Protein backbone atom coordinates (compact mmCIF):
# COMPACT_ATOMS: atom_id res chain seq x y z
CA MET A 1 6.50 47.15 -15.92
CA THR A 2 5.13 44.12 -14.19
CA GLU A 3 2.16 44.46 -11.94
CA ILE A 4 2.59 43.25 -8.36
CA ARG A 5 -0.36 41.18 -7.20
CA PRO A 6 -1.15 40.06 -3.67
CA PRO A 7 -0.67 36.34 -3.06
CA ALA A 8 -3.64 34.17 -3.93
CA LYS A 9 -5.75 32.89 -1.07
CA PRO A 10 -5.33 29.16 -0.47
CA ALA A 11 -8.30 27.04 -1.37
CA GLU A 12 -10.41 26.09 1.59
CA ALA A 13 -10.12 22.51 2.70
CA PRO A 14 -13.26 20.45 2.27
CA ALA A 15 -15.33 20.02 5.39
CA ALA A 16 -14.29 17.02 7.43
CA SER A 17 -16.64 14.11 7.37
CA PRO A 18 -18.66 13.68 10.54
CA LYS A 19 -17.12 11.32 13.04
CA ALA A 20 -18.75 8.06 13.95
CA PRO A 21 -20.73 8.01 17.17
CA THR A 22 -18.66 7.22 20.24
CA ALA A 23 -20.37 3.89 20.86
CA GLN A 24 -19.61 2.72 17.34
CA ARG A 25 -15.95 3.75 17.57
CA THR A 26 -15.65 2.00 20.94
CA GLY A 27 -17.16 -1.15 19.47
CA PHE A 28 -14.61 -1.14 16.67
CA GLY A 29 -11.87 -0.64 19.26
CA PHE A 30 -12.93 -3.71 21.21
CA LEU A 31 -13.34 -5.74 18.02
CA GLY A 32 -9.90 -4.66 16.89
CA VAL A 33 -8.23 -5.59 20.18
CA PHE A 34 -9.91 -8.97 20.37
CA GLY A 35 -9.27 -9.54 16.68
CA TRP A 36 -5.55 -8.88 17.04
CA LEU A 37 -5.40 -11.09 20.14
CA GLY A 38 -7.10 -13.83 18.16
CA ILE A 39 -4.63 -13.45 15.32
CA PHE A 40 -1.76 -13.64 17.81
CA GLY A 41 -3.28 -16.82 19.29
CA ILE A 42 -3.73 -18.43 15.88
CA GLY A 43 -0.14 -17.60 14.95
CA ALA A 44 1.10 -19.08 18.23
CA ALA A 45 -0.96 -22.22 17.64
CA VAL A 46 0.40 -22.63 14.10
CA GLY A 47 3.93 -22.20 15.43
CA ALA A 48 3.35 -24.72 18.23
CA VAL A 49 1.93 -27.33 15.87
CA LEU A 50 4.74 -26.92 13.35
CA GLY A 51 7.32 -26.96 16.15
CA ALA A 52 5.85 -30.18 17.55
CA LEU A 53 6.09 -31.74 14.09
CA ASP A 54 9.82 -30.88 13.94
CA VAL A 55 9.39 -28.63 10.91
CA ALA A 56 12.43 -26.52 10.04
CA GLY A 57 12.53 -23.20 11.89
CA TRP A 58 12.50 -21.02 8.79
CA ILE A 59 9.42 -22.80 7.44
CA THR A 60 7.68 -22.35 10.79
CA GLY A 61 8.54 -18.66 10.83
CA LEU A 62 7.40 -18.21 7.26
CA ALA A 63 4.09 -20.00 7.88
CA VAL A 64 3.37 -18.07 11.09
CA SER A 65 4.22 -14.69 9.57
CA ALA A 66 2.22 -15.35 6.40
CA THR A 67 -0.76 -16.48 8.48
CA THR A 68 -0.70 -13.44 10.74
CA VAL A 69 -0.22 -10.98 7.86
CA ALA A 70 -3.12 -12.50 5.91
CA LEU A 71 -5.43 -12.56 8.92
CA GLY A 72 -4.42 -9.01 9.85
CA PHE A 73 -5.27 -7.86 6.33
CA PHE A 74 -8.73 -9.43 6.53
CA LEU A 75 -9.33 -8.02 10.02
CA ARG A 76 -8.35 -4.51 8.94
CA ARG A 77 -10.53 -4.78 5.88
CA SER A 78 -13.54 -6.03 7.83
CA LEU A 79 -13.26 -3.30 10.47
CA SER A 80 -12.78 -0.44 8.01
CA GLY A 81 -15.93 -0.80 6.05
């Protein structure tokens, strides 16, 4: 005969890390908003310059998207740690 055992208790989750102080989180929020607005402005400026130079539309789109993705990566990285 097999013995019936009660289900095992789930392992307790590790304690959550303490949250950053409110002022610090707010500062990161403002930096993030202004950072993303700056990235948007830089992308618009790159697009305007390439458009004024009569560069093909697909090249303009590629340059603007690559610029904004790269700058967004660096912004995210700088704000996270």
